[in-house]
Amino acid sequence: MSYDQQYQQSLIDPNGYWLDKAKQISWYKMPSIGLNEKSNDGYSWFDDGVLNTCYLAVDQHVEKGRGNQIAFYYDSPAAQVKQQISYAQLQQQVSTFAGAMRDLGIVKGDRVIIYMPMIPQAAIAMLACARIGAVHSVVFGGFAAHELAIRIDDAQAKLIITASCGIEFDRIIPYQPLVNKAIQLAVNKPLKTIVLQREMSLAELDVKQQISWSEFVKNVIPADCIAVKSNDPLYILYTSGTTGKPKGIVRDNGGHAVALKLAFNDIYGMSEGDVWWAASDIGWVVGHSFIIYGPLICGASSVFYEGKPIRTPDSGAFWRIINEYKVNSMICAPTAFRAIRKEDPIGEYVKKYDLTSLRWVFVAGEKLDSSTYQWLSELLQVPILDHWWQTETGWPMTAPMMGWDNPAPARLGSTNKCTPGYDIKVLSIEGEEVSIGEVGNICLKLPLPPGASTAIWNQPDRYKDAYLSLFKGYYHTGDGGYKDDDDYIYITGRTDDVINVSGHRLSTGEMEEVVSTHTAVAECAVIGVHDSLKGQIPIGLVVLKAGVEIEIDQLQRELVADVRRQIGALACFKRVFVVQRLPKTRSGKILRAVLRKIAANETYQAPSTIDDPAILQEIEQLLSTECQHA
């Protein structure tokens, strides 16, 4: 069946299409109901289905005689540890930890905060929660105590699972002081804190409140998987909110499992026994969907990497991983590859490794600029595939279907075509579909397919206000973009990344695309700043490639000329600043909203997801005086 036939079937008969897909996973009770549409844009999937996500991810593979296959390749240049964990070993460790939680009194529906670094025990804790029906909420290890306290209170967490420390390059970050402070700040007090002791920094435990991981699992009877309803929550994942209070995105069990089965097999083209690497962190949705649940549900081997793309120990870290574990495919944010390119512009480190196992590379999370695309394509000699999704959807909305016959080829600048069940429309502010090629609001026609979140934890009205209120019958993604004649989707950026220059609405993303193609530029950000005459004007912040020497005035002249030639004089792009680095989230997204506030000399707050707050001070010192004279 062709892409068009399959895709149209998912829209014309969503009930039948997704019930058929549901047959591809093992249920305790197979659902007879696919889509259940309710009033006021409400809907649900597989209402009468019963299953267990941990069983799908772990036990079923052992039962099928595949227990010796590797589930996780753990590789930590940070801790100088490598480990291979088979499905049978994973089952033993998960069931034991689940039994210990059960003995502590954790039951179905209880919430558990997991505050850990990128170590296998984090995955074990997640799967153990799923095994007994507890709802996990993973919070980045190292998050500030205040942010952790907010999440403890919002989730009403009954248990915290943490480690004694995390590692950032060569810096040890003790977690215990942060956890202790968070519990002190929180109104809700968890029963206990379980602490995995890491030898590079042992925590001093309060025996009344804290238990070491090793003591916790002693003499425990392993727990079996319990049956949960399809719409019972699997996890809460907090993402930033415009009000300052994080939004707890809720993911169900049934729709999530069905969607990830399709995504991993059909979108990413991966199969049982393949080696897959999502170069991300468990604190992000990529970690949930495609480090843990997706690969394991589909019986693949997943690389669990605690390290960075550079300085661990060098800029060949990613290529070493691919070579050592014979990675078949991977997903990564473009910013990681830009970091590698900055340090190794001609790709000398690639020559040291055998990358023939690699079939293709997916990128997401940030705009894939043409310069990075060309560099990667030439370097790796495999397809570089851009695609697009959000924390709220949990799996890709646009992507080539690499597991189908004749997948749609990549098209530079596009994140490809819609994936099954996602009916994407480009709407004007009045809610009308715009013409082909015209930029508008990217929206998803309701209902969304299985796996997409339909709720914010304990705040039902906030979900409607945030996503469903602007365009009746649609989920508003907050992204702008357009379609071409072949229904390829082009994401131009967040709708607030459009600036108004003398009445002309211009995309800063398009300007970034031009700036990034300069041979001296490793990465860049273009933001709009206030101008008393034109309303707004763009300025560019650029990071140079390693070893590049160029006068700033010359670079500015060349970049201004490039933007003028490719976008036009109306862009009024005239000012460029060279910076050592750009402020990013831990997933690699550039914090443009904060940059705009700094440039406007407005009060700002460092987001909880920022990789290194010190970067903001560097940018502020550079821009504060300059931009006041714009």
Foldseek 3Di string as FASTA:
>chain_A
DDPVVLQVCCVVPVFVSLLVLLVVFDFPARAPTAWDDDPPQDIDGSQFTKHFLLCLQAVVCVVVVQQQAWAEFEDELQLRDTDTAGSVNLLVLLQLLLLLCVVVPDAAAAEEEEAEFLDVVSLSVLSSCSQRNYAYEYAYHPFALCLVLLVCQLRLHQEYEYEQWAGDLNDTGGRVVSPVSNQVPHPRHHQAYEYAYDVVGGDDDDVRHYHYPVVSSPPGDGHGGDMDGQARWSYWAWDADPVRRTWTFTWGHSLQLSVLQQQVCFFVVDAAAAEEEEPATCNALCVVRPQGRSCSSRHYHYYRYRYACAPSPGNLVVQCVCQVVVHAEYEAALLRLLVSCLAVVQQPSNVVGDNVSYAEYEYEDDFDFPQSLVSVCVSNVHHYAYFYDHRQQSHTQAGFGNNDPPTDHHDPQFNHAGDHQWDWFFAAQVQHGDDAPDKGFIKTAPDGGGGGTQDTRPCNVVSCVQFDPSHHRIGGPQWMWGAHPVRTTGTLGGPVQWFFFQNDTHHQSVLQSQLCNPPFFSGKGKGWEQDPPGGTAIEMETEGRPPDDDDPVVSQVVSLVSCCVPPRCSNVYRYYHYDNDAKAFSSRHGPRVLLRCLLHVHDDDDDSRIPDVVSSVRSSVVRVVPSVVD
